[in-house]
């Protein structure tokens, strides 16, 4: 018998546009059987906080990643500029960006240092998005960073140097890879113009072309698994490229997939794990044995979820670089991180590098602010389990580790540390020790009609503690 868990997931959505792949859905989660995969998945689950970087030609125009090439009438596909009414001219102009992409400020060690300071512990880097432009030195196409003006730079094989820099800082390494490729003629075949995001031809009618595409995809993934050091996560995007039998018609966007687009995930996963033992495979939205963890986009489950999961969301408004970005505050990001962890998930936070190869100054500032909070409160995040018993209470969320409960109070702007906290639904023995993380003294507490009242002494509530969120540790 194959064990699988059937769960109905409900999400709280923060954005409505590109979250269309992760609305309410049924999840048939099949836990991995390989003990090496299980071990690595546990390691990943304990890390809690990661960095996702979307970077490619689209950074030069400061537009949505790849989607302006897609001939669909959707908000995220809108084109602008002189070729907005001529798709063929627009695509040619977009692909000519290869001739001007020259990120001379590329310094992955600086990115890794900033991410480490923020408390991030894994990275997922976009090796290829849907536009097909490769940020690695693939042998399968010349549409790649090492055939741009940046080719003379000793770090032109960008993916290799990103992975090396983050690996030196003990990050788990994730390779984002798009299953659809809108550049290669094996997917958008020139005989038939594309109508939407899907293959421009029915694969079952032209199997010889589709088999070339399958081999093309397999070869590129094997390159990433062979030539770029230890890789921990293969993060596959483009969930419409999937076996027709896997479509869930209760999910609105999957109803629009017109035909089978099977690329043979069993072969890809098996060969990738021969090269990278224990590799976590994340075939996003294709529920089953190759979705080792679930990735709601800009959404958070309404309740605790036992299945391994990760919310991916942006630090600003966009995945890729935009010149005038609006960044979330450190307070907002800490609020999101703590809610996600309290529900047993991880946060993968997206930052898009500029055409020159830098983050916005504000992004570095946010990472530093988050890091200052994490230095004090990290034990309530790493290696914890979410809470399935106490329940969110007002501004409190909860995590657990060993015999300790962490009550995380997410403060409002300008809110001062209160003189007393009250928490319901706790089973606490009379000898429990209570502390505020970042301080050393034990706090007095009383059990009043089943409610735990924690007294904050004057010297603490008048102190200048970091007020993004306060964490009360209860050693029970």
Protein backbone atom coordinates (compact mmCIF):
# COMPACT_ATOMS: atom_id res chain seq x y z
CA UNK A 1 0.00 0.00 0.00
CA UNK A 2 1.15 3.53 -0.77
CA UNK A 3 0.57 5.86 2.13
CA UNK A 4 -0.70 9.29 1.26
CA UNK A 5 -2.32 12.08 3.17
CA UNK A 6 -5.35 13.89 1.75
CA UNK A 7 -5.77 17.40 3.08
CA UNK A 8 -7.98 20.34 2.13
CA UNK A 9 -5.90 23.50 2.36
CA UNK A 10 -7.39 26.95 2.81
CA UNK A 11 -5.12 29.91 2.29
CA UNK A 12 -5.09 33.48 3.48
CA UNK A 13 -4.02 35.40 0.36
CA UNK A 14 -1.85 38.52 0.38
CA UNK A 15 -1.88 39.04 -3.39
CA UNK A 16 -4.37 38.06 -6.06
CA UNK A 17 -2.34 38.17 -9.30
CA UNK A 18 0.38 35.55 -9.54
CA UNK A 19 -1.05 33.52 -6.68
CA UNK A 20 -3.44 31.84 -9.10
CA UNK A 21 -1.59 28.53 -8.90
CA UNK A 22 -2.13 28.17 -5.17
CA UNK A 23 -5.76 28.75 -4.39
CA UNK A 24 -7.85 26.33 -2.38
CA UNK A 25 -6.86 22.84 -3.46
CA UNK A 26 -6.74 19.21 -2.44
CA UNK A 27 -3.31 17.99 -1.50
CA UNK A 28 -2.53 14.32 -1.88
CA UNK A 29 0.77 14.37 -0.06
CA UNK A 30 2.96 11.30 -0.43
CA UNK A 31 5.88 11.33 2.03
CA UNK A 32 9.23 10.39 0.49
CA UNK A 33 10.45 6.86 1.21
CA UNK A 34 14.15 7.49 0.63
CA UNK A 35 15.74 7.94 4.10
CA UNK A 36 18.26 10.43 2.69
CA UNK A 37 15.44 12.59 1.32
CA UNK A 38 13.58 12.38 4.62
CA UNK A 39 16.69 13.43 6.51
CA UNK A 40 17.30 16.39 4.22
CA UNK A 41 13.63 17.38 4.37
CA UNK A 42 13.86 17.46 8.17
CA UNK A 43 16.96 19.65 7.94
CA UNK A 44 15.16 22.00 5.55
CA UNK A 45 12.09 22.13 7.85
CA UNK A 46 14.27 23.22 10.77
CA UNK A 47 15.88 26.08 8.84
CA UNK A 48 12.60 28.03 8.54
CA UNK A 49 13.84 31.07 6.58
CA UNK A 50 15.24 31.25 3.06
CA UNK A 51 16.01 33.62 0.19
CA UNK A 52 14.52 33.34 -3.32
CA UNK A 53 16.14 35.35 -6.13
CA UNK A 54 14.47 35.94 -9.49
CA UNK A 55 17.06 37.39 -11.84
CA UNK A 56 17.20 37.50 -15.61
CA UNK A 57 16.77 39.65 -18.70
CA UNK A 58 13.53 41.12 -17.33
CA UNK A 59 15.54 43.04 -14.72
CA UNK A 60 16.77 45.39 -17.46
CA UNK A 61 13.26 46.62 -18.18
CA UNK A 62 12.10 46.34 -14.58
CA UNK A 63 9.10 44.24 -15.60
CA UNK A 64 7.40 41.08 -14.39
CA UNK A 65 9.59 38.02 -14.91
CA UNK A 66 8.91 36.36 -18.30
CA UNK A 67 5.13 36.78 -18.24
CA UNK A 68 4.95 39.71 -20.67
CA UNK A 69 5.89 37.16 -23.36
CA UNK A 70 2.81 35.09 -22.64
CA UNK A 71 -0.02 35.70 -25.16
CA UNK A 72 -2.79 35.63 -22.57
CA UNK A 73 -5.12 38.44 -21.60
CA UNK A 74 -4.21 38.52 -17.93
CA UNK A 75 -3.04 41.37 -15.71
CA UNK A 76 0.41 39.91 -15.14
CA UNK A 77 0.96 39.43 -18.92
CA UNK A 78 0.31 43.05 -19.90
CA UNK A 79 2.95 44.50 -22.22
CA UNK A 80 4.00 48.13 -22.39
CA UNK A 81 6.30 50.17 -24.61
CA UNK A 82 6.56 50.58 -28.38
CA UNK A 83 5.81 46.93 -29.20
CA UNK A 84 2.88 46.33 -26.88
CA UNK A 85 0.53 45.73 -29.84
CA UNK A 86 2.90 43.54 -31.85
CA UNK A 87 3.71 40.33 -29.97
CA UNK A 88 6.32 39.13 -32.50
CA UNK A 89 8.23 42.42 -32.41
CA UNK A 90 7.96 42.50 -28.63
CA UNK A 91 9.37 38.97 -28.27
CA UNK A 92 12.27 39.81 -30.57
CA UNK A 93 13.01 43.00 -28.64
CA UNK A 94 12.82 41.14 -25.31
CA UNK A 95 15.15 38.38 -26.46
CA UNK A 96 17.63 40.99 -27.78
CA UNK A 97 18.13 42.00 -24.13
CA UNK A 98 20.68 39.19 -24.09
CA UNK A 99 22.96 41.55 -26.03
CA UNK A 100 22.94 44.19 -23.29
CA UNK A 101 22.82 42.13 -20.07
CA UNK A 102 26.05 42.96 -18.27
CA UNK A 103 25.74 42.84 -14.44
CA UNK A 104 29.20 44.16 -13.63
CA UNK A 105 28.37 44.68 -9.93
CA UNK A 106 27.56 40.99 -9.44
CA UNK A 107 28.90 40.03 -6.01
CA UNK A 108 27.20 36.90 -4.65
CA UNK A 109 29.35 36.92 -1.52
CA UNK A 110 27.71 40.22 -0.56
CA UNK A 111 24.25 38.70 -1.06
CA UNK A 112 25.18 35.65 1.00
CA UNK A 113 26.59 37.77 3.81
CA UNK A 114 23.45 39.93 3.98
CA UNK A 115 21.15 36.91 3.89
CA UNK A 116 23.15 35.16 6.61
CA UNK A 117 23.02 38.27 8.78
CA UNK A 118 19.23 38.27 8.39
CA UNK A 119 19.07 34.70 9.68
CA UNK A 120 18.31 33.03 6.35
CA UNK A 121 19.57 29.46 6.06
CA UNK A 122 18.74 28.33 2.53
CA UNK A 123 18.67 29.90 -0.91
CA UNK A 124 16.70 29.18 -4.09
CA UNK A 125 18.15 30.81 -7.21
CA UNK A 126 16.44 31.11 -10.59
CA UNK A 127 18.65 29.17 -12.98
CA UNK A 128 16.02 29.55 -15.75
CA UNK A 129 12.60 31.19 -15.78
CA UNK A 130 9.80 30.62 -18.32
CA UNK A 131 11.44 32.93 -20.88
CA UNK A 132 14.12 30.25 -21.33
CA UNK A 133 17.10 32.52 -20.64
CA UNK A 134 19.65 30.47 -18.70
CA UNK A 135 21.64 31.94 -15.84
CA UNK A 136 24.05 29.03 -16.13
CA UNK A 137 26.43 27.80 -18.82
CA UNK A 138 24.21 25.17 -20.41
CA UNK A 139 25.33 23.27 -23.48
CA UNK A 140 21.75 22.96 -24.73
CA UNK A 141 21.28 26.55 -25.98
CA UNK A 142 23.14 29.78 -26.62
CA UNK A 143 20.37 31.75 -24.95
CA UNK A 144 22.34 32.13 -21.73
CA UNK A 145 24.29 34.52 -19.54
CA UNK A 146 27.65 33.22 -20.82
CA UNK A 147 26.72 34.43 -24.33
CA UNK A 148 25.93 37.97 -23.15
CA UNK A 149 28.37 40.90 -22.77
CA UNK A 150 29.03 39.49 -19.27
CA UNK A 151 30.78 36.47 -20.83
CA UNK A 152 34.23 38.01 -20.35
CA UNK A 153 33.70 38.31 -16.59
CA UNK A 154 35.35 35.50 -14.61
CA UNK A 155 32.04 35.03 -12.76
CA UNK A 156 29.93 34.86 -15.93
CA UNK A 157 28.58 31.40 -15.02
CA UNK A 158 26.35 33.15 -12.50
CA UNK A 159 24.61 30.12 -11.00
CA UNK A 160 27.90 28.46 -10.11
CA UNK A 161 29.14 31.49 -8.22
CA UNK A 162 25.83 32.08 -6.45
CA UNK A 163 25.78 28.47 -5.27
CA UNK A 164 29.45 28.56 -4.23
CA UNK A 165 29.06 31.79 -2.23
CA UNK A 166 26.00 30.64 -0.31
CA UNK A 167 27.35 27.15 0.23
CA UNK A 168 30.42 28.65 1.93
CA UNK A 169 28.05 30.27 4.42
CA UNK A 170 26.40 26.89 5.14
CA UNK A 171 23.19 27.55 3.22
CA UNK A 172 21.16 24.74 1.72
CA UNK A 173 21.26 25.23 -2.05
CA UNK A 174 18.11 25.27 -4.18
CA UNK A 175 17.94 25.41 -7.97
CA UNK A 176 14.79 27.03 -9.33
CA UNK A 177 14.13 25.66 -12.84
CA UNK A 178 11.20 26.38 -15.14
CA UNK A 179 9.70 23.30 -16.79
CA UNK A 180 8.14 25.36 -19.60
CA UNK A 181 10.63 27.14 -21.87
CA UNK A 182 9.18 29.85 -24.14
CA UNK A 183 12.39 30.26 -26.15
CA UNK A 184 13.18 26.79 -27.39
CA UNK A 185 11.38 25.67 -30.58
CA UNK A 186 10.70 22.33 -28.91
CA UNK A 187 8.10 24.00 -26.66
CA UNK A 188 6.83 26.99 -28.62
CA UNK A 189 7.29 25.35 -32.01
CA UNK A 190 7.45 27.85 -34.89
CA UNK A 191 4.94 25.94 -37.00
CA UNK A 192 2.18 26.99 -34.60
CA UNK A 193 2.16 30.38 -32.83
CA UNK A 194 1.55 30.10 -29.07
CA UNK A 195 -1.93 30.87 -27.82
CA UNK A 196 -1.14 30.81 -24.13
CA UNK A 197 1.44 29.58 -21.61
CA UNK A 198 1.17 25.98 -22.81
CA UNK A 199 3.07 24.17 -25.54
CA UNK A 200 2.10 25.63 -28.95
CA UNK A 201 1.31 22.15 -30.26
CA UNK A 202 -0.36 19.04 -28.81
CA UNK A 203 2.49 16.77 -27.67
CA UNK A 204 0.55 13.58 -28.37
CA UNK A 205 0.08 14.62 -32.01
CA UNK A 206 3.75 15.55 -32.52
CA UNK A 207 5.59 13.16 -30.19
CA UNK A 208 8.91 13.54 -32.00
CA UNK A 209 9.03 17.28 -31.16
CA UNK A 210 7.85 16.68 -27.60
CA UNK A 211 10.49 13.98 -27.07
CA UNK A 212 13.13 16.51 -28.09
CA UNK A 213 11.72 18.85 -25.49
CA UNK A 214 11.77 16.17 -22.83
CA UNK A 215 15.40 15.39 -23.62
CA UNK A 216 16.29 19.09 -23.68
CA UNK A 217 14.74 19.55 -20.22
CA UNK A 218 16.31 16.38 -18.83
CA UNK A 219 19.75 17.39 -20.11
CA UNK A 220 19.60 20.87 -18.57
CA UNK A 221 18.55 19.56 -15.17
CA UNK A 222 21.31 16.95 -15.26
CA UNK A 223 23.83 19.72 -16.01
CA UNK A 224 22.69 21.54 -12.87
CA UNK A 225 22.95 18.36 -10.85
CA UNK A 226 26.43 17.58 -12.21
CA UNK A 227 28.46 20.77 -12.61
CA UNK A 228 27.39 23.06 -9.77
CA UNK A 229 28.43 21.34 -6.57
CA UNK A 230 26.11 20.02 -3.90
CA UNK A 231 22.47 20.88 -4.60
CA UNK A 232 19.85 20.23 -1.92
CA UNK A 233 16.59 21.31 -3.58
CA UNK A 234 15.33 21.07 -7.17
CA UNK A 235 12.53 23.67 -7.19
CA UNK A 236 10.48 23.19 -10.37
CA UNK A 237 8.06 25.87 -11.53
CA UNK A 238 5.42 25.95 -14.27
CA UNK A 239 2.84 23.54 -12.93
CA UNK A 240 0.90 23.33 -16.19
CA UNK A 241 3.70 21.14 -17.56
CA UNK A 242 2.40 17.94 -16.06
CA UNK A 243 0.74 14.62 -16.91
CA UNK A 244 -2.87 15.18 -17.95
CA UNK A 245 -3.94 12.57 -15.40
CA UNK A 246 -2.61 14.78 -12.57
CA UNK A 247 -4.89 17.73 -13.31
CA UNK A 248 -7.24 18.60 -10.47
CA UNK A 249 -10.34 20.06 -12.11
CA UNK A 250 -11.51 21.52 -8.79
CA UNK A 251 -8.63 24.02 -9.13
CA UNK A 252 -9.67 26.73 -11.57
CA UNK A 253 -6.34 27.39 -13.30
CA UNK A 254 -5.72 23.68 -13.93
CA UNK A 255 -8.98 23.43 -15.90
CA UNK A 256 -7.35 25.47 -18.67
CA UNK A 257 -4.51 22.97 -19.33
CA UNK A 258 -5.45 21.64 -22.79
CA UNK A 259 -3.37 18.47 -23.07
CA UNK A 260 -0.82 16.13 -21.57
CA UNK A 261 2.62 17.73 -21.05
CA UNK A 262 4.40 14.88 -19.31
CA UNK A 263 8.18 15.35 -19.09
CA UNK A 264 8.83 12.08 -17.21
CA UNK A 265 9.39 13.27 -13.65
CA UNK A 266 10.23 9.73 -12.41
CA UNK A 267 13.26 9.70 -14.73
CA UNK A 268 14.28 13.26 -13.87
CA UNK A 269 14.03 12.65 -10.12
CA UNK A 270 15.76 9.27 -10.18
CA UNK A 271 18.72 10.47 -12.23
CA UNK A 272 19.00 13.70 -10.27
CA UNK A 273 19.16 11.75 -7.01
CA UNK A 274 21.88 9.50 -8.38
CA UNK A 275 23.93 12.65 -8.81
CA UNK A 276 22.63 14.42 -5.69
CA UNK A 277 21.70 11.81 -3.04
CA UNK A 278 18.86 12.95 -0.82
CA UNK A 279 17.78 15.70 -3.23
CA UNK A 280 14.48 17.34 -2.26
CA UNK A 281 12.29 17.59 -5.38
CA UNK A 282 9.59 20.23 -5.44
CA UNK A 283 7.39 19.79 -8.51
CA UNK A 284 5.14 22.69 -7.59
CA UNK A 285 1.38 22.11 -7.61
CA UNK A 286 1.73 18.59 -9.09
CA UNK A 287 0.66 16.78 -5.96
CA UNK A 288 2.20 13.38 -5.38
CA UNK A 289 5.58 11.79 -4.87
CA UNK A 290 7.57 14.57 -6.57
CA UNK A 291 6.17 17.44 -4.52
CA UNK A 292 8.23 16.82 -1.40
CA UNK A 293 6.99 20.04 0.12
CA UNK A 294 4.16 22.40 -0.80
CA UNK A 295 4.76 26.00 -1.90
CA UNK A 296 1.79 28.38 -1.52
CA UNK A 297 2.68 31.62 -3.31
CA UNK A 298 1.93 34.84 -1.41
CA UNK A 299 -0.44 32.83 0.75
CA UNK A 300 -0.46 31.30 4.22
CA UNK A 301 -2.64 28.38 5.32
CA UNK A 302 -5.39 29.40 7.70
CA UNK A 303 -4.33 26.79 10.23
CA UNK A 304 -1.44 24.55 11.29
CA UNK A 305 -0.39 22.08 8.58
CA UNK A 306 1.55 18.89 9.31
CA UNK A 307 2.62 18.45 5.69
CA UNK A 308 5.99 20.13 4.91
CA UNK A 309 5.26 23.52 3.36
CA UNK A 310 6.80 26.85 2.49
CA UNK A 311 5.24 30.20 1.70
CA UNK A 312 7.13 32.04 -1.02
CA UNK A 313 6.49 35.78 -1.09
CA UNK A 314 8.26 38.96 -2.12
CA UNK A 315 10.03 41.49 0.08
CA UNK A 316 8.61 44.19 -2.20
CA UNK A 317 5.72 44.03 -4.65
CA UNK A 318 7.51 42.07 -7.38
CA UNK A 319 9.59 38.93 -7.79
CA UNK A 320 12.00 40.59 -10.19
CA UNK A 321 13.74 43.95 -9.96
CA UNK A 322 11.76 47.16 -10.34
CA UNK A 323 13.36 50.56 -9.99
CA UNK A 324 10.77 52.08 -7.64
CA UNK A 325 10.02 49.10 -5.42
CA UNK A 326 7.78 49.32 -2.35
CA UNK A 327 9.33 47.13 0.34
CA UNK A 328 7.51 45.59 3.25
CA UNK A 329 8.64 46.83 6.64
CA UNK A 330 10.80 44.63 8.84
CA UNK A 331 7.83 44.53 11.23
CA UNK A 332 5.59 43.13 8.48
CA UNK A 333 8.15 40.50 7.47
CA UNK A 334 8.67 39.38 11.08
CA UNK A 335 4.88 39.17 11.47
CA UNK A 336 4.67 36.96 8.37
CA UNK A 337 7.66 34.81 9.37
CA UNK A 338 6.34 34.15 12.87
CA UNK A 339 2.83 33.34 11.65
CA UNK A 340 4.22 30.92 9.07
CA UNK A 341 6.53 29.20 11.55
CA UNK A 342 3.72 28.97 14.11
CA UNK A 343 1.73 27.02 11.50
CA UNK A 344 4.69 24.69 10.90
CA UNK A 345 5.95 26.21 7.65
CA UNK A 346 9.00 27.96 6.22
CA UNK A 347 9.25 31.42 4.67
CA UNK A 348 11.07 31.85 1.34
CA UNK A 349 11.47 35.60 0.86
CA UNK A 350 12.00 36.97 -2.66
CA UNK A 351 14.44 39.75 -3.60
CA UNK A 352 15.15 40.63 -7.24
CA UNK A 353 18.68 41.83 -8.10
CA UNK A 354 19.12 44.81 -10.41
CA UNK A 355 20.46 44.66 -14.00
CA UNK A 356 23.85 45.62 -12.56
CA UNK A 357 23.75 42.77 -10.05
CA UNK A 358 22.82 44.54 -6.80
CA UNK A 359 19.97 44.62 -4.31
CA UNK A 360 18.18 47.86 -3.53
CA UNK A 361 19.73 49.65 -0.54
CA UNK A 362 16.40 49.27 1.25
CA UNK A 363 16.53 45.50 0.80
CA UNK A 364 19.89 45.39 2.57
CA UNK A 365 18.47 47.61 5.31
CA UNK A 366 15.49 45.27 5.80
CA UNK A 367 17.76 42.24 6.00
CA UNK A 368 19.82 43.97 8.69
CA UNK A 369 16.70 44.91 10.69
CA UNK A 370 15.38 41.36 10.50
CA UNK A 371 18.79 40.06 11.52
CA UNK A 372 18.88 42.26 14.61
CA UNK A 373 15.59 40.72 15.72
CA UNK A 374 16.72 37.20 14.88
CA UNK A 375 19.90 37.51 16.93
CA UNK A 376 17.77 37.89 20.05
CA UNK A 377 14.83 35.65 19.20
CA UNK A 378 16.16 32.97 16.86
CA UNK A 379 15.59 30.11 19.29
CA UNK A 380 11.84 30.65 18.88
CA UNK A 381 12.23 30.09 15.11
CA UNK A 382 14.89 27.51 14.20
CA UNK A 383 14.23 23.87 14.92
CA UNK A 384 10.79 24.54 16.35
CA UNK A 385 7.46 22.91 15.68
CA UNK A 386 4.38 24.94 14.97
CA UNK A 387 1.50 25.08 17.39
CA UNK A 388 -1.57 22.91 16.85
CA UNK A 389 -2.99 23.20 20.38
CA UNK A 390 -2.84 26.64 21.92
CA UNK A 391 -4.13 28.58 18.92
CA UNK A 392 -3.41 32.13 17.79
CA UNK A 393 -4.50 34.60 20.46
CA UNK A 394 -4.73 38.21 19.38
CA UNK A 395 -1.18 39.33 18.64
CA UNK A 396 0.30 36.08 19.99
CA UNK A 397 1.45 33.12 17.93
CA UNK A 398 3.23 30.09 19.41
CA UNK A 399 6.04 27.67 18.63
CA UNK A 400 7.46 24.71 20.56
CA UNK A 401 10.88 23.14 21.06
CA UNK A 402 11.81 20.42 23.53
CA UNK A 403 10.01 21.37 26.76
CA UNK A 404 9.72 25.05 25.92
CA UNK A 405 6.82 27.08 24.56
CA UNK A 406 7.58 30.34 22.76
CA UNK A 407 4.81 32.93 22.91
CA UNK A 408 5.56 35.49 20.20
CA UNK A 409 3.80 38.82 20.61
CA UNK A 410 3.81 40.81 17.33
CA UNK A 411 3.82 44.43 18.43
CA UNK A 412 2.18 47.29 16.55
CA UNK A 413 4.11 50.35 15.42
CA UNK A 414 5.21 52.44 18.44
CA UNK A 415 3.70 49.92 20.88
CA UNK A 416 5.48 49.75 24.22
CA UNK A 417 6.17 46.58 26.14
CA UNK A 418 3.08 46.06 28.33
CA UNK A 419 3.20 45.56 32.07
CA UNK A 420 1.44 42.22 31.80
CA UNK A 421 0.75 39.51 29.22
CA UNK A 422 -2.17 37.10 29.46
CA UNK A 423 -2.25 33.75 27.67
CA UNK A 424 -5.07 31.22 27.57
CA UNK A 425 -5.16 27.51 26.96
CA UNK A 426 -1.81 26.60 28.51
CA UNK A 427 -1.09 23.58 30.67
CA UNK A 428 1.74 24.84 32.82
CA UNK A 429 3.24 23.20 35.89
CA UNK A 430 3.79 25.37 38.93
CA UNK A 431 7.57 25.28 38.59
CA UNK A 432 7.64 26.62 35.02
CA UNK A 433 10.27 29.28 34.36
CA UNK A 434 9.35 32.27 32.24
CA UNK A 435 11.74 34.69 30.55
CA UNK A 436 11.63 37.37 27.91
CA UNK A 437 14.19 36.55 25.22
CA UNK A 438 16.99 39.10 25.24
CA UNK A 439 16.86 39.37 29.04
CA UNK A 440 18.13 37.17 31.84
CA UNK A 441 15.73 37.54 34.76
CA UNK A 442 12.92 35.13 35.50
CA UNK A 443 9.46 36.68 35.25
CA UNK A 444 6.74 36.30 37.84
CA UNK A 445 3.54 34.66 36.69
CA UNK A 446 0.26 33.55 38.18
CA UNK A 447 -2.48 31.18 37.12
CA UNK A 448 -5.71 33.13 37.27
CA UNK A 449 -8.79 31.06 36.46
CA UNK A 450 -6.90 29.01 33.87
CA UNK A 451 -5.19 32.01 32.32
CA UNK A 452 -1.47 32.57 32.63
CA UNK A 453 -0.69 36.15 33.63
CA UNK A 454 2.95 37.14 33.13
CA UNK A 455 4.18 40.20 34.99
CA UNK A 456 6.76 42.43 33.27
CA UNK A 457 8.89 44.29 35.84
CA UNK A 458 9.37 48.03 35.56
CA UNK A 459 13.02 47.81 34.53
CA UNK A 460 11.99 45.78 31.45
CA UNK A 461 8.90 47.61 30.26
CA UNK A 462 10.83 50.87 30.49
CA UNK A 463 13.79 49.44 28.59
CA UNK A 464 14.44 49.94 24.90
CA UNK A 465 13.97 46.37 23.69
CA UNK A 466 13.56 45.64 19.97
CA UNK A 467 9.80 46.02 19.52
CA UNK A 468 9.15 44.25 16.21
CA UNK A 469 7.95 41.33 18.32
CA UNK A 470 8.61 40.15 21.85
CA UNK A 471 9.12 36.48 22.66
CA UNK A 472 8.24 34.96 26.02
CA UNK A 473 9.95 31.63 26.66
CA UNK A 474 8.06 29.28 28.95
CA UNK A 475 10.18 26.35 30.16
CA UNK A 476 7.57 23.87 31.24
